Amino acid sequence: MKTETTSYWYVYLLKCSDQTTYTGCTSNLKERLNRHKKGTVSYTQTRLPVQLITCIAFNDKYKAFHFEKYLKSGSGKAFANKRFL
């Protein structure tokens, strides 16, 4: 059973203006997206504007980090291209 103190971790995909995809993981999605939009994230600062494609919530940060790592792998990129893009 979830309580209000349960924190979630989010794996998210952004579409950048140069048509590349950025994959990230955070516990505060709103704040992280604001950082991307303000240009304070090195990868996306020269690729603005960015658009959120999808986000997946996890209640276990290790599972979130593992899924982010998977999405950055060859088979994970293929999965993301087929299912999310």
N, C-alpha and C. Protein backbone atom coordinates (compact mmCIF):
# COMPACT_ATOMS: atom_id res chain seq x y z
N MET A 1 0.84 -1.18 0.00
CA MET A 1 0.00 0.00 0.00
C MET A 1 0.88 1.24 0.00
N LYS A 2 0.58 2.18 -0.89
CA LYS A 2 1.36 3.40 -1.00
C LYS A 2 0.87 4.43 0.01
N THR A 3 1.82 5.19 0.51
CA THR A 3 1.48 6.29 1.40
C THR A 3 1.91 7.58 0.74
N GLU A 4 1.50 8.70 1.32
CA GLU A 4 1.87 9.99 0.75
C GLU A 4 3.37 10.23 0.79
N THR A 5 4.09 9.54 1.66
CA THR A 5 5.52 9.76 1.77
C THR A 5 6.31 8.91 0.77
N THR A 6 5.62 8.05 0.04
CA THR A 6 6.30 7.23 -0.96
C THR A 6 6.80 8.14 -2.07
N SER A 7 8.08 8.03 -2.36
CA SER A 7 8.61 8.84 -3.46
C SER A 7 8.73 7.97 -4.70
N TYR A 8 8.54 8.61 -5.82
CA TYR A 8 8.64 7.92 -7.09
C TYR A 8 9.86 8.42 -7.85
N TRP A 9 10.37 7.56 -8.68
CA TRP A 9 11.46 7.89 -9.60
C TRP A 9 10.90 7.78 -11.00
N TYR A 10 11.29 8.69 -11.85
CA TYR A 10 10.74 8.78 -13.20
C TYR A 10 11.84 8.61 -14.23
N VAL A 11 11.59 7.74 -15.19
CA VAL A 11 12.43 7.65 -16.38
C VAL A 11 11.64 8.36 -17.47
N TYR A 12 12.30 9.28 -18.15
CA TYR A 12 11.58 10.11 -19.12
C TYR A 12 12.36 10.22 -20.41
N LEU A 13 11.63 10.47 -21.49
CA LEU A 13 12.23 10.67 -22.80
C LEU A 13 11.80 12.03 -23.32
N LEU A 14 12.77 12.76 -23.84
CA LEU A 14 12.51 14.07 -24.44
C LEU A 14 12.88 14.02 -25.91
N LYS A 15 12.09 14.67 -26.73
CA LYS A 15 12.44 14.87 -28.14
C LYS A 15 13.04 16.27 -28.23
N CYS A 16 14.27 16.34 -28.75
CA CYS A 16 14.98 17.60 -28.87
C CYS A 16 14.71 18.22 -30.24
N SER A 17 15.02 19.51 -30.38
CA SER A 17 14.76 20.23 -31.63
C SER A 17 15.54 19.66 -32.81
N ASP A 18 16.68 18.99 -32.54
CA ASP A 18 17.45 18.38 -33.63
C ASP A 18 17.02 16.94 -33.90
N GLN A 19 15.88 16.56 -33.35
CA GLN A 19 15.26 15.24 -33.52
C GLN A 19 15.99 14.11 -32.78
N THR A 20 16.94 14.44 -31.91
CA THR A 20 17.54 13.43 -31.06
C THR A 20 16.63 13.20 -29.86
N THR A 21 16.85 12.10 -29.18
CA THR A 21 16.06 11.76 -28.00
C THR A 21 16.97 11.77 -26.78
N TYR A 22 16.51 12.41 -25.72
CA TYR A 22 17.24 12.43 -24.45
C TYR A 22 16.49 11.54 -23.48
N THR A 23 17.21 10.65 -22.81
CA THR A 23 16.64 9.77 -21.80
C THR A 23 17.24 10.12 -20.46
N GLY A 24 16.40 10.31 -19.45
CA GLY A 24 16.89 10.67 -18.13
C GLY A 24 16.09 10.01 -17.03
N CYS A 25 16.57 10.19 -15.80
CA CYS A 25 15.94 9.62 -14.62
C CYS A 25 16.00 10.65 -13.50
N THR A 26 14.90 10.82 -12.78
CA THR A 26 14.84 11.81 -11.72
C THR A 26 13.78 11.46 -10.70
N SER A 27 13.91 12.01 -9.52
CA SER A 27 12.86 11.85 -8.50
C SER A 27 11.94 13.06 -8.49
N ASN A 28 12.29 14.12 -9.21
CA ASN A 28 11.46 15.32 -9.27
C ASN A 28 11.31 15.73 -10.74
N LEU A 29 10.33 15.17 -11.39
CA LEU A 29 10.16 15.35 -12.83
C LEU A 29 9.90 16.81 -13.19
N LYS A 30 9.04 17.47 -12.45
CA LYS A 30 8.70 18.87 -12.77
C LYS A 30 9.94 19.76 -12.72
N GLU A 31 10.74 19.61 -11.68
CA GLU A 31 11.96 20.42 -11.53
C GLU A 31 12.97 20.09 -12.63
N ARG A 32 13.11 18.82 -12.94
CA ARG A 32 14.07 18.41 -13.97
C ARG A 32 13.66 18.93 -15.34
N LEU A 33 12.38 18.87 -15.66
CA LEU A 33 11.92 19.41 -16.94
C LEU A 33 12.14 20.91 -17.02
N ASN A 34 11.94 21.61 -15.92
CA ASN A 34 12.21 23.05 -15.89
C ASN A 34 13.68 23.33 -16.16
N ARG A 35 14.57 22.52 -15.60
CA ARG A 35 16.00 22.69 -15.85
C ARG A 35 16.33 22.48 -17.33
N HIS A 36 15.71 21.49 -17.95
CA HIS A 36 15.91 21.27 -19.38
C HIS A 36 15.45 22.50 -20.16
N LYS A 37 14.25 22.98 -19.88
CA LYS A 37 13.67 24.09 -20.62
C LYS A 37 14.43 25.40 -20.43
N LYS A 38 15.07 25.56 -19.26
CA LYS A 38 15.86 26.76 -18.99
C LYS A 38 17.26 26.69 -19.60
N GLY A 39 17.65 25.52 -20.09
CA GLY A 39 18.95 25.38 -20.73
C GLY A 39 20.09 25.11 -19.77
N THR A 40 19.80 24.57 -18.60
CA THR A 40 20.86 24.28 -17.63
C THR A 40 21.34 22.84 -17.65
N VAL A 41 20.81 22.04 -18.57
CA VAL A 41 21.27 20.66 -18.75
C VAL A 41 22.13 20.64 -20.00
N SER A 42 23.38 20.20 -19.87
CA SER A 42 24.35 20.36 -20.94
C SER A 42 23.91 19.75 -22.27
N TYR A 43 23.37 18.54 -22.27
CA TYR A 43 23.01 17.90 -23.54
C TYR A 43 21.90 18.67 -24.26
N THR A 44 20.90 19.10 -23.53
CA THR A 44 19.73 19.70 -24.17
C THR A 44 19.84 21.22 -24.35
N GLN A 45 20.83 21.87 -23.74
CA GLN A 45 20.85 23.33 -23.81
C GLN A 45 21.01 23.88 -25.21
N THR A 46 21.67 23.14 -26.10
CA THR A 46 21.81 23.58 -27.48
C THR A 46 20.78 22.92 -28.40
N ARG A 47 19.83 22.19 -27.81
CA ARG A 47 18.83 21.47 -28.59
C ARG A 47 17.41 21.87 -28.20
N LEU A 48 17.25 23.09 -27.73
CA LEU A 48 15.94 23.58 -27.31
C LEU A 48 15.13 24.01 -28.52
N PRO A 49 13.81 23.93 -28.47
CA PRO A 49 13.03 23.45 -27.34
C PRO A 49 12.99 21.92 -27.29
N VAL A 50 12.66 21.42 -26.11
CA VAL A 50 12.49 19.98 -25.93
C VAL A 50 11.03 19.70 -25.63
N GLN A 51 10.61 18.49 -25.94
CA GLN A 51 9.22 18.09 -25.71
C GLN A 51 9.22 16.74 -25.00
N LEU A 52 8.45 16.65 -23.93
CA LEU A 52 8.32 15.39 -23.20
C LEU A 52 7.55 14.39 -24.05
N ILE A 53 8.15 13.24 -24.28
CA ILE A 53 7.51 12.18 -25.05
C ILE A 53 6.73 11.27 -24.11
N THR A 54 7.41 10.80 -23.07
CA THR A 54 6.77 9.91 -22.11
C THR A 54 7.55 9.90 -20.82
N CYS A 55 6.90 9.47 -19.75
CA CYS A 55 7.60 9.23 -18.49
C CYS A 55 6.99 7.99 -17.85
N ILE A 56 7.84 7.24 -17.18
CA ILE A 56 7.43 6.01 -16.53
C ILE A 56 7.80 6.13 -15.06
N ALA A 57 6.84 5.91 -14.17
CA ALA A 57 7.07 6.06 -12.73
C ALA A 57 7.43 4.71 -12.11
N PHE A 58 8.42 4.75 -11.22
CA PHE A 58 8.85 3.58 -10.46
C PHE A 58 8.84 3.93 -8.98
N ASN A 59 8.49 2.96 -8.14
CA ASN A 59 8.59 3.22 -6.71
C ASN A 59 9.91 2.70 -6.14
N ASP A 60 10.78 2.18 -6.99
CA ASP A 60 12.10 1.69 -6.60
C ASP A 60 13.14 2.40 -7.47
N LYS A 61 14.00 3.20 -6.86
CA LYS A 61 14.95 3.99 -7.66
C LYS A 61 15.92 3.12 -8.43
N TYR A 62 16.26 1.95 -7.91
CA TYR A 62 17.20 1.07 -8.61
C TYR A 62 16.57 0.50 -9.87
N LYS A 63 15.28 0.17 -9.80
CA LYS A 63 14.59 -0.30 -11.01
C LYS A 63 14.52 0.82 -12.04
N ALA A 64 14.31 2.03 -11.58
CA ALA A 64 14.27 3.18 -12.50
C ALA A 64 15.62 3.35 -13.19
N PHE A 65 16.70 3.32 -12.41
CA PHE A 65 18.03 3.48 -12.99
C PHE A 65 18.37 2.34 -13.95
N HIS A 66 17.94 1.13 -13.62
CA HIS A 66 18.18 0.00 -14.51
C HIS A 66 17.40 0.16 -15.82
N PHE A 67 16.17 0.65 -15.72
CA PHE A 67 15.37 0.85 -16.93
C PHE A 67 15.96 1.97 -17.79
N GLU A 68 16.43 3.04 -17.14
CA GLU A 68 17.09 4.12 -17.89
C GLU A 68 18.31 3.57 -18.63
N LYS A 69 19.11 2.78 -17.93
CA LYS A 69 20.30 2.19 -18.56
C LYS A 69 19.91 1.29 -19.73
N TYR A 70 18.85 0.52 -19.57
CA TYR A 70 18.36 -0.34 -20.65
C TYR A 70 17.95 0.49 -21.86
N LEU A 71 17.21 1.59 -21.64
CA LEU A 71 16.76 2.42 -22.74
C LEU A 71 17.91 3.06 -23.50
N LYS A 72 19.05 3.19 -22.85
CA LYS A 72 20.23 3.76 -23.50
C LYS A 72 21.06 2.71 -24.23
N SER A 73 20.70 1.45 -24.07
CA SER A 73 21.41 0.36 -24.76
C SER A 73 20.84 0.20 -26.17
N GLY A 74 21.49 -0.59 -26.98
CA GLY A 74 21.02 -0.82 -28.35
C GLY A 74 19.62 -1.38 -28.41
N SER A 75 19.36 -2.44 -27.66
CA SER A 75 18.03 -3.05 -27.69
C SER A 75 17.01 -2.14 -27.01
N GLY A 76 17.43 -1.39 -26.02
CA GLY A 76 16.54 -0.45 -25.35
C GLY A 76 16.14 0.69 -26.26
N LYS A 77 17.08 1.17 -27.08
CA LYS A 77 16.76 2.22 -28.05
C LYS A 77 15.77 1.70 -29.08
N ALA A 78 15.96 0.47 -29.52
CA ALA A 78 15.03 -0.14 -30.47
C ALA A 78 13.63 -0.26 -29.85
N PHE A 79 13.58 -0.68 -28.59
CA PHE A 79 12.31 -0.78 -27.87
C PHE A 79 11.63 0.59 -27.78
N ALA A 80 12.40 1.61 -27.37
CA ALA A 80 11.85 2.96 -27.23
C ALA A 80 11.35 3.49 -28.57
N ASN A 81 12.11 3.26 -29.63
CA ASN A 81 11.69 3.73 -30.96
C ASN A 81 10.39 3.08 -31.40
N LYS A 82 10.23 1.81 -31.07
CA LYS A 82 9.04 1.08 -31.48
C LYS A 82 7.83 1.42 -30.62
N ARG A 83 8.04 1.60 -29.32
CA ARG A 83 6.92 1.75 -28.38
C ARG A 83 6.59 3.19 -27.98
N PHE A 84 7.57 4.08 -28.01
CA PHE A 84 7.34 5.43 -27.50
C PHE A 84 7.43 6.53 -28.56
N LEU A 85 8.18 6.29 -29.63
CA LEU A 85 8.42 7.37 -30.60
C LEU A 85 7.55 7.26 -31.83
